[in-house]
Amino acid sequence: MALSCLDETGLLKEILPEVAAMKGVAQPPQYHPEGDVWIHTLLMLEAMGKTGITQALGVLLHDVGKPPTFRIADRIRFDGHAEVGARMASEILTRLKYSTDQIRQAEALVANHMRFKDVPKMKVSR
């Protein structure tokens, strides 16, 4: 995968230091038995299949807010990571010169990604 190649060459830290910061950030094993935030993100990208660039950016950046919000209380927590991540996604994509429309859409995906897990429980009208 291209992201792993960027990491192996050291370019990931230079181009996307916020994504590189996901490496080694533990997650609660009861919710993420696959491992740290980096591994989780790589697995999500692999599982995504073919999609558009905006969706791919949303998947890549959906947990970018976890490293700065990491804390341990009763378990590992990332309070407010979706909101922090949305702001970070906007900053990252602005820095990388993505279009305003792509930035807004990716930011919305990151901000709302925790809601997707609740879709099966939602009423059809919602």
C-alpha atoms as a PDB file:
ATOM      1  CA  MET A   1       0.000   0.000   0.000  1.00  0.00           C
ATOM      2  CA  ALA A   2       1.228   3.499  -0.820  1.00  0.00           C
ATOM      3  CA  LEU A   3       0.815   4.726   2.755  1.00  0.00           C
ATOM      4  CA  SER A   4       3.116   1.991   4.052  1.00  0.00           C
ATOM      5  CA  CYS A   5       5.635   2.930   1.368  1.00  0.00           C
ATOM      6  CA  LEU A   6       5.524   6.567   2.485  1.00  0.00           C
ATOM      7  CA  ASP A   7       6.099   5.411   6.055  1.00  0.00           C
ATOM      8  CA  GLU A   8       9.019   3.120   5.152  1.00  0.00           C
ATOM      9  CA  THR A   9      10.780   5.886   3.235  1.00  0.00           C
ATOM     10  CA  GLY A  10      10.272   8.470   5.989  1.00  0.00           C
ATOM     11  CA  LEU A  11       8.109  10.657   3.759  1.00  0.00           C
ATOM     12  CA  LEU A  12       4.961  10.106   5.831  1.00  0.00           C
ATOM     13  CA  LYS A  13       6.438  12.116   8.728  1.00  0.00           C
ATOM     14  CA  GLU A  14       7.278  14.912   6.311  1.00  0.00           C
ATOM     15  CA  ILE A  15       4.021  15.037   4.338  1.00  0.00           C
ATOM     16  CA  LEU A  16       1.464  13.860   6.910  1.00  0.00           C
ATOM     17  CA  PRO A  17       2.999  14.123  10.377  1.00  0.00           C
ATOM     18  CA  GLU A  18      -0.486  13.998  11.915  1.00  0.00           C
ATOM     19  CA  VAL A  19      -1.075  10.581  10.328  1.00  0.00           C
ATOM     20  CA  ALA A  20       2.393   9.367  11.314  1.00  0.00           C
ATOM     21  CA  ALA A  21       1.497  10.314  14.903  1.00  0.00           C
ATOM     22  CA  MET A  22      -1.147   7.535  14.880  1.00  0.00           C
ATOM     23  CA  LYS A  23       1.603   4.916  15.039  1.00  0.00           C
ATOM     24  CA  GLY A  24       1.831   3.351  18.489  1.00  0.00           C
ATOM     25  CA  VAL A  25      -1.282   5.067  19.873  1.00  0.00           C
ATOM     26  CA  ALA A  26      -3.087   2.280  21.724  1.00  0.00           C
ATOM     27  CA  GLN A  27      -6.841   1.784  21.500  1.00  0.00           C
ATOM     28  CA  PRO A  28      -9.211  -0.041  23.856  1.00  0.00           C
ATOM     29  CA  PRO A  29      -8.812  -3.720  22.909  1.00  0.00           C
ATOM     30  CA  GLN A  30     -12.499  -4.426  23.527  1.00  0.00           C
ATOM     31  CA  TYR A  31     -13.365  -2.080  20.641  1.00  0.00           C
ATOM     32  CA  HIS A  32     -10.215  -2.360  18.532  1.00  0.00           C
ATOM     33  CA  PRO A  33      -8.571  -5.771  18.905  1.00  0.00           C
ATOM     34  CA  GLU A  34      -6.614  -5.119  15.691  1.00  0.00           C
ATOM     35  CA  GLY A  35      -4.207  -2.812  17.486  1.00  0.00           C
ATOM     36  CA  ASP A  36      -3.184   0.812  17.461  1.00  0.00           C
ATOM     37  CA  VAL A  37      -4.713   3.710  15.537  1.00  0.00           C
ATOM     38  CA  TRP A  38      -2.221   3.313  12.665  1.00  0.00           C
ATOM     39  CA  ILE A  39      -3.041  -0.384  12.117  1.00  0.00           C
ATOM     40  CA  HIS A  40      -6.764   0.364  12.382  1.00  0.00           C
ATOM     41  CA  THR A  41      -6.463   3.094   9.735  1.00  0.00           C
ATOM     42  CA  LEU A  42      -4.504   0.855   7.366  1.00  0.00           C
ATOM     43  CA  LEU A  43      -7.113  -1.896   7.752  1.00  0.00           C
ATOM     44  CA  MET A  44      -9.940   0.572   7.104  1.00  0.00           C
ATOM     45  CA  LEU A  45      -8.231   1.802   3.944  1.00  0.00           C
ATOM     46  CA  GLU A  46      -7.738  -1.781   2.724  1.00  0.00           C
ATOM     47  CA  ALA A  47     -11.384  -2.649   3.447  1.00  0.00           C
ATOM     48  CA  MET A  48     -12.661   0.463   1.691  1.00  0.00           C
ATOM     49  CA  GLY A  49     -12.340  -0.854  -1.845  1.00  0.00           C
ATOM     50  CA  LYS A  50     -12.598   1.468  -4.819  1.00  0.00           C
ATOM     51  CA  THR A  51     -14.111   4.810  -3.975  1.00  0.00           C
ATOM     52  CA  GLY A  52     -13.662   8.493  -4.606  1.00  0.00           C
ATOM     53  CA  ILE A  53     -10.835  10.635  -3.293  1.00  0.00           C
ATOM     54  CA  THR A  54     -13.051  12.445  -0.779  1.00  0.00           C
ATOM     55  CA  GLN A  55     -14.199   9.212   0.843  1.00  0.00           C
ATOM     56  CA  ALA A  56     -10.611   7.943   0.898  1.00  0.00           C
ATOM     57  CA  LEU A  57      -9.489  11.141   2.623  1.00  0.00           C
ATOM     58  CA  GLY A  58     -12.305  10.735   5.151  1.00  0.00           C
ATOM     59  CA  VAL A  59     -11.177   7.184   5.921  1.00  0.00           C
ATOM     60  CA  LEU A  60      -7.506   8.167   6.097  1.00  0.00           C
ATOM     61  CA  LEU A  61      -8.196  11.036   8.486  1.00  0.00           C
ATOM     62  CA  HIS A  62     -11.175   9.699  10.475  1.00  0.00           C
ATOM     63  CA  ASP A  63      -9.064   9.058  13.595  1.00  0.00           C
ATOM     64  CA  VAL A  64      -6.424  11.761  13.144  1.00  0.00           C
ATOM     65  CA  GLY A  65      -7.802  13.411  16.301  1.00  0.00           C
ATOM     66  CA  LYS A  66      -7.020  10.407  18.485  1.00  0.00           C
ATOM     67  CA  PRO A  67      -3.324  11.076  19.231  1.00  0.00           C
ATOM     68  CA  PRO A  68      -3.922  14.578  20.663  1.00  0.00           C
ATOM     69  CA  THR A  69      -6.990  13.469  22.668  1.00  0.00           C
ATOM     70  CA  PHE A  70      -5.551  10.210  24.084  1.00  0.00           C
ATOM     71  CA  ARG A  71      -6.042   9.708  27.810  1.00  0.00           C
ATOM     72  CA  ILE A  72      -6.413   6.820  30.215  1.00  0.00           C
ATOM     73  CA  ALA A  73      -9.266   6.895  32.735  1.00  0.00           C
ATOM     74  CA  ASP A  74     -11.294   3.764  33.393  1.00  0.00           C
ATOM     75  CA  ARG A  75     -10.005   2.692  29.973  1.00  0.00           C
ATOM     76  CA  ILE A  76      -8.294   4.320  27.012  1.00  0.00           C
ATOM     77  CA  ARG A  77     -10.378   7.281  25.874  1.00  0.00           C
ATOM     78  CA  PHE A  78     -10.297   9.804  23.039  1.00  0.00           C
ATOM     79  CA  ASP A  79     -12.844  12.370  24.189  1.00  0.00           C
ATOM     80  CA  GLY A  80     -13.800  14.745  21.394  1.00  0.00           C
ATOM     81  CA  HIS A  81     -11.534  13.089  18.847  1.00  0.00           C
ATOM     82  CA  ALA A  82     -14.063  13.447  16.017  1.00  0.00           C
ATOM     83  CA  GLU A  83     -14.351  17.210  16.512  1.00  0.00           C
ATOM     84  CA  VAL A  84     -10.601  17.674  16.964  1.00  0.00           C
ATOM     85  CA  GLY A  85     -10.012  15.426  13.960  1.00  0.00           C
ATOM     86  CA  ALA A  86     -12.396  17.432  11.778  1.00  0.00           C
ATOM     87  CA  ARG A  87     -10.454  20.625  12.497  1.00  0.00           C
ATOM     88  CA  MET A  88      -7.170  18.829  11.869  1.00  0.00           C
ATOM     89  CA  ALA A  89      -8.473  17.336   8.614  1.00  0.00           C
ATOM     90  CA  SER A  90      -9.420  20.793   7.387  1.00  0.00           C
ATOM     91  CA  GLU A  91      -5.949  22.122   8.251  1.00  0.00           C
ATOM     92  CA  ILE A  92      -4.183  19.166   6.643  1.00  0.00           C
ATOM     93  CA  LEU A  93      -6.190  19.279   3.426  1.00  0.00           C
ATOM     94  CA  THR A  94      -5.869  23.059   3.187  1.00  0.00           C
ATOM     95  CA  ARG A  95      -2.098  22.688   3.548  1.00  0.00           C
ATOM     96  CA  LEU A  96      -2.121  20.056   0.781  1.00  0.00           C
ATOM     97  CA  LYS A  97      -4.145  22.381  -1.500  1.00  0.00           C
ATOM     98  CA  TYR A  98      -7.320  20.293  -1.845  1.00  0.00           C
ATOM     99  CA  SER A  99     -10.411  22.071  -3.124  1.00  0.00           C
ATOM    100  CA  THR A 100     -12.761  23.790  -0.703  1.00  0.00           C
ATOM    101  CA  ASP A 101     -15.496  21.300  -1.595  1.00  0.00           C
ATOM    102  CA  GLN A 102     -13.259  18.285  -0.941  1.00  0.00           C
ATOM    103  CA  ILE A 103     -12.112  19.783   2.358  1.00  0.00           C
ATOM    104  CA  ARG A 104     -15.693  20.434   3.525  1.00  0.00           C
ATOM    105  CA  GLN A 105     -16.826  16.932   2.590  1.00  0.00           C
ATOM    106  CA  ALA A 106     -13.841  15.183   4.190  1.00  0.00           C
ATOM    107  CA  GLU A 107     -14.199  17.349   7.297  1.00  0.00           C
ATOM    108  CA  ALA A 108     -17.872  16.327   7.566  1.00  0.00           C
ATOM    109  CA  LEU A 109     -16.955  12.644   7.211  1.00  0.00           C
ATOM    110  CA  VAL A 110     -14.376  12.922   9.984  1.00  0.00           C
ATOM    111  CA  ALA A 111     -16.689  14.949  12.235  1.00  0.00           C
ATOM    112  CA  ASN A 112     -19.534  12.449  11.856  1.00  0.00           C
ATOM    113  CA  HIS A 113     -17.709   9.129  11.564  1.00  0.00           C
ATOM    114  CA  MET A 114     -18.802   7.945  15.018  1.00  0.00           C
ATOM    115  CA  ARG A 115     -22.448   8.152  13.925  1.00  0.00           C
ATOM    116  CA  PHE A 116     -21.992   5.507  11.235  1.00  0.00           C
ATOM    117  CA  LYS A 117     -21.751   2.748  13.850  1.00  0.00           C
ATOM    118  CA  ASP A 118     -25.286   3.638  14.975  1.00  0.00           C
ATOM    119  CA  VAL A 119     -26.888   3.406  11.524  1.00  0.00           C
ATOM    120  CA  PRO A 120     -28.235  -0.152  12.060  1.00  0.00           C
ATOM    121  CA  LYS A 121     -30.052   1.063  15.209  1.00  0.00           C
ATOM    122  CA  MET A 122     -31.614   4.117  13.562  1.00  0.00           C
ATOM    123  CA  LYS A 123     -35.181   4.429  12.401  1.00  0.00           C
ATOM    124  CA  VAL A 124     -35.595   4.455   8.631  1.00  0.00           C
ATOM    125  CA  SER A 125     -36.934   8.021   8.842  1.00  0.00           C
ATOM    126  CA  ARG A 126     -33.671   9.229  10.360  1.00  0.00           C
END
